[in-house]
């Protein structure tokens, strides 16, 4: 039982830290809100627009032979605005939360406050044509 508690403790610490390789040696970097914002600004500067969501996600799937609207919408946003929309599950850290907030702020600053509603509306029109 003690061993399981110790393993569980270390697993809880894992999302907050990660290994990075520098000069052929591994170093530990603490993932904080500040590192999340910095990573978002760096990605945005490099033309990488990641819009991540977290939490419980329920989507009614179509028949296997059909392409669902959500998949179509993600592809549409990637092709037309270079915005990568991704759901990252239920585990959220300060780093990921602050990354998402900063990136969404930068995306709306660049494309307009209603970019996600506008893109969804455009994608619905295209989806209905197909």
C-alpha atoms as a PDB file:
ATOM      1  CA  UNK A   1       0.000   0.000   0.000  1.00  0.00           C
ATOM      2  CA  UNK A   2       2.880   2.358   0.835  1.00  0.00           C
ATOM      3  CA  UNK A   3       4.440   1.739  -2.551  1.00  0.00           C
ATOM      4  CA  UNK A   4       1.200   2.638  -4.337  1.00  0.00           C
ATOM      5  CA  UNK A   5       0.952   5.867  -2.338  1.00  0.00           C
ATOM      6  CA  UNK A   6       4.529   6.806  -3.252  1.00  0.00           C
ATOM      7  CA  UNK A   7       3.972   6.027  -6.939  1.00  0.00           C
ATOM      8  CA  UNK A   8       0.737   8.036  -6.905  1.00  0.00           C
ATOM      9  CA  UNK A   9       2.558  11.008  -5.335  1.00  0.00           C
ATOM     10  CA  UNK A  10       5.176  11.053  -8.072  1.00  0.00           C
ATOM     11  CA  UNK A  11       2.567  10.655 -10.808  1.00  0.00           C
ATOM     12  CA  UNK A  12       0.771  13.739  -9.461  1.00  0.00           C
ATOM     13  CA  UNK A  13       3.980  15.766  -9.762  1.00  0.00           C
ATOM     14  CA  UNK A  14       4.672  14.669 -13.346  1.00  0.00           C
ATOM     15  CA  UNK A  15       2.278  17.078 -15.174  1.00  0.00           C
ATOM     16  CA  UNK A  16       3.841  20.101 -13.451  1.00  0.00           C
ATOM     17  CA  UNK A  17       7.398  19.332 -14.594  1.00  0.00           C
ATOM     18  CA  UNK A  18       9.028  17.999 -17.707  1.00  0.00           C
ATOM     19  CA  UNK A  19      12.419  17.017 -18.969  1.00  0.00           C
ATOM     20  CA  UNK A  20      14.227  19.052 -21.572  1.00  0.00           C
ATOM     21  CA  UNK A  21      17.516  18.177 -23.178  1.00  0.00           C
ATOM     22  CA  UNK A  22      20.238  20.804 -23.222  1.00  0.00           C
ATOM     23  CA  UNK A  23      23.862  20.210 -24.150  1.00  0.00           C
ATOM     24  CA  UNK A  24      23.504  16.407 -24.006  1.00  0.00           C
ATOM     25  CA  UNK A  25      22.123  16.432 -20.458  1.00  0.00           C
ATOM     26  CA  UNK A  26      18.618  16.324 -19.093  1.00  0.00           C
ATOM     27  CA  UNK A  27      17.295  19.179 -16.986  1.00  0.00           C
ATOM     28  CA  UNK A  28      13.946  19.529 -15.190  1.00  0.00           C
ATOM     29  CA  UNK A  29      11.839  22.568 -16.002  1.00  0.00           C
ATOM     30  CA  UNK A  30       8.890  23.550 -13.824  1.00  0.00           C
ATOM     31  CA  UNK A  31       5.802  24.189 -15.941  1.00  0.00           C
ATOM     32  CA  UNK A  32       4.034  27.257 -14.521  1.00  0.00           C
ATOM     33  CA  UNK A  33       1.498  29.802 -15.683  1.00  0.00           C
ATOM     34  CA  UNK A  34       4.383  32.053 -16.700  1.00  0.00           C
ATOM     35  CA  UNK A  35       5.972  29.328 -18.857  1.00  0.00           C
ATOM     36  CA  UNK A  36       2.575  28.657 -20.442  1.00  0.00           C
ATOM     37  CA  UNK A  37       2.115  32.298 -21.459  1.00  0.00           C
ATOM     38  CA  UNK A  38       5.685  32.474 -22.736  1.00  0.00           C
ATOM     39  CA  UNK A  39       5.201  29.300 -24.821  1.00  0.00           C
ATOM     40  CA  UNK A  40       1.956  30.680 -26.303  1.00  0.00           C
ATOM     41  CA  UNK A  41       3.643  33.946 -27.309  1.00  0.00           C
ATOM     42  CA  UNK A  42       6.543  32.045 -28.859  1.00  0.00           C
ATOM     43  CA  UNK A  43       4.231  29.710 -30.804  1.00  0.00           C
ATOM     44  CA  UNK A  44       2.119  32.653 -31.987  1.00  0.00           C
ATOM     45  CA  UNK A  45       5.228  34.512 -33.123  1.00  0.00           C
ATOM     46  CA  UNK A  46       6.171  31.417 -35.162  1.00  0.00           C
ATOM     47  CA  UNK A  47       2.732  31.219 -36.792  1.00  0.00           C
ATOM     48  CA  UNK A  48       1.511  28.314 -34.672  1.00  0.00           C
ATOM     49  CA  UNK A  49      -2.066  28.976 -33.531  1.00  0.00           C
ATOM     50  CA  UNK A  50      -3.196  26.257 -31.103  1.00  0.00           C
ATOM     51  CA  UNK A  51      -6.618  26.618 -29.539  1.00  0.00           C
ATOM     52  CA  UNK A  52      -6.929  23.966 -26.839  1.00  0.00           C
ATOM     53  CA  UNK A  53      -9.973  23.042 -24.770  1.00  0.00           C
ATOM     54  CA  UNK A  54     -10.143  20.943 -21.624  1.00  0.00           C
ATOM     55  CA  UNK A  55     -12.766  19.091 -19.600  1.00  0.00           C
ATOM     56  CA  UNK A  56     -15.527  16.635 -20.384  1.00  0.00           C
ATOM     57  CA  UNK A  57     -16.439  16.573 -24.066  1.00  0.00           C
ATOM     58  CA  UNK A  58     -19.521  14.854 -25.416  1.00  0.00           C
ATOM     59  CA  UNK A  59     -19.986  14.703 -29.183  1.00  0.00           C
ATOM     60  CA  UNK A  60     -22.610  12.606 -30.866  1.00  0.00           C
ATOM     61  CA  UNK A  61     -20.717  10.697 -33.532  1.00  0.00           C
ATOM     62  CA  UNK A  62     -22.182  10.152 -36.998  1.00  0.00           C
ATOM     63  CA  UNK A  63     -22.161   6.829 -38.794  1.00  0.00           C
ATOM     64  CA  UNK A  64     -18.645   5.552 -39.423  1.00  0.00           C
ATOM     65  CA  UNK A  65     -18.928   6.247 -43.153  1.00  0.00           C
ATOM     66  CA  UNK A  66     -19.809   9.921 -42.580  1.00  0.00           C
ATOM     67  CA  UNK A  67     -17.493  12.752 -41.607  1.00  0.00           C
ATOM     68  CA  UNK A  68     -18.781  14.544 -38.517  1.00  0.00           C
ATOM     69  CA  UNK A  69     -19.174  18.298 -38.428  1.00  0.00           C
ATOM     70  CA  UNK A  70     -16.689  18.761 -35.563  1.00  0.00           C
ATOM     71  CA  UNK A  71     -13.925  17.082 -37.570  1.00  0.00           C
ATOM     72  CA  UNK A  72     -14.901  19.116 -40.622  1.00  0.00           C
ATOM     73  CA  UNK A  73     -14.853  22.335 -38.553  1.00  0.00           C
ATOM     74  CA  UNK A  74     -11.367  21.602 -37.158  1.00  0.00           C
ATOM     75  CA  UNK A  75     -10.060  20.897 -40.655  1.00  0.00           C
ATOM     76  CA  UNK A  76     -11.757  24.033 -42.017  1.00  0.00           C
ATOM     77  CA  UNK A  77     -10.172  26.250 -39.337  1.00  0.00           C
ATOM     78  CA  UNK A  78      -6.751  24.702 -39.958  1.00  0.00           C
ATOM     79  CA  UNK A  79      -6.937  25.148 -43.732  1.00  0.00           C
ATOM     80  CA  UNK A  80      -8.480  28.636 -43.788  1.00  0.00           C
ATOM     81  CA  UNK A  81      -7.009  30.307 -40.700  1.00  0.00           C
ATOM     82  CA  UNK A  82      -4.101  28.014 -39.704  1.00  0.00           C
ATOM     83  CA  UNK A  83      -5.789  27.546 -36.307  1.00  0.00           C
ATOM     84  CA  UNK A  84      -5.313  24.109 -34.763  1.00  0.00           C
ATOM     85  CA  UNK A  85      -8.337  23.280 -32.595  1.00  0.00           C
ATOM     86  CA  UNK A  86      -7.750  20.402 -30.217  1.00  0.00           C
ATOM     87  CA  UNK A  87      -9.407  18.927 -27.134  1.00  0.00           C
ATOM     88  CA  UNK A  88      -6.786  17.939 -24.562  1.00  0.00           C
ATOM     89  CA  UNK A  89      -8.853  15.929 -22.074  1.00  0.00           C
ATOM     90  CA  UNK A  90      -9.637  16.449 -18.417  1.00  0.00           C
ATOM     91  CA  UNK A  91      -6.184  17.075 -16.931  1.00  0.00           C
ATOM     92  CA  UNK A  92      -5.310  20.757 -16.827  1.00  0.00           C
ATOM     93  CA  UNK A  93      -2.290  22.444 -15.286  1.00  0.00           C
ATOM     94  CA  UNK A  94      -1.402  26.066 -14.681  1.00  0.00           C
ATOM     95  CA  UNK A  95       0.889  25.883 -17.715  1.00  0.00           C
ATOM     96  CA  UNK A  96      -1.782  24.533 -20.075  1.00  0.00           C
ATOM     97  CA  UNK A  97      -4.506  26.829 -18.745  1.00  0.00           C
ATOM     98  CA  UNK A  98      -2.391  29.963 -19.140  1.00  0.00           C
ATOM     99  CA  UNK A  99      -1.125  28.798 -22.545  1.00  0.00           C
ATOM    100  CA  UNK A 100      -4.722  28.431 -23.762  1.00  0.00           C
ATOM    101  CA  UNK A 101      -5.871  31.766 -22.354  1.00  0.00           C
ATOM    102  CA  UNK A 102      -2.921  33.646 -23.859  1.00  0.00           C
ATOM    103  CA  UNK A 103      -3.159  31.895 -27.226  1.00  0.00           C
ATOM    104  CA  UNK A 104      -6.909  32.509 -27.519  1.00  0.00           C
ATOM    105  CA  UNK A 105      -6.314  36.172 -26.647  1.00  0.00           C
ATOM    106  CA  UNK A 106      -3.659  36.462 -29.365  1.00  0.00           C
ATOM    107  CA  UNK A 107      -5.812  34.606 -31.920  1.00  0.00           C
ATOM    108  CA  UNK A 108      -8.808  36.882 -31.344  1.00  0.00           C
ATOM    109  CA  UNK A 109      -6.526  39.901 -31.469  1.00  0.00           C
ATOM    110  CA  UNK A 110      -5.245  38.795 -34.890  1.00  0.00           C
ATOM    111  CA  UNK A 111      -8.435  37.427 -36.496  1.00  0.00           C
ATOM    112  CA  UNK A 112     -11.163  39.301 -34.625  1.00  0.00           C
ATOM    113  CA  UNK A 113     -13.190  38.757 -31.481  1.00  0.00           C
ATOM    114  CA  UNK A 114     -15.690  36.467 -33.217  1.00  0.00           C
ATOM    115  CA  UNK A 115     -13.239  34.290 -35.196  1.00  0.00           C
ATOM    116  CA  UNK A 116     -14.501  31.003 -33.743  1.00  0.00           C
ATOM    117  CA  UNK A 117     -18.189  31.843 -34.277  1.00  0.00           C
ATOM    118  CA  UNK A 118     -17.418  33.195 -37.750  1.00  0.00           C
ATOM    119  CA  UNK A 119     -15.376  30.101 -38.660  1.00  0.00           C
ATOM    120  CA  UNK A 120     -18.083  27.772 -37.342  1.00  0.00           C
ATOM    121  CA  UNK A 121     -20.736  29.601 -39.387  1.00  0.00           C
ATOM    122  CA  UNK A 122     -18.597  29.437 -42.556  1.00  0.00           C
ATOM    123  CA  UNK A 123     -17.843  25.752 -41.952  1.00  0.00           C
ATOM    124  CA  UNK A 124     -21.557  24.949 -41.481  1.00  0.00           C
ATOM    125  CA  UNK A 125     -22.340  26.477 -44.880  1.00  0.00           C
ATOM    126  CA  UNK A 126     -19.578  24.432 -46.524  1.00  0.00           C
ATOM    127  CA  UNK A 127     -20.557  21.265 -44.635  1.00  0.00           C
ATOM    128  CA  UNK A 128     -24.176  21.491 -45.778  1.00  0.00           C
ATOM    129  CA  UNK A 129     -23.048  21.769 -49.416  1.00  0.00           C
ATOM    130  CA  UNK A 130     -21.203  18.462 -49.172  1.00  0.00           C
END
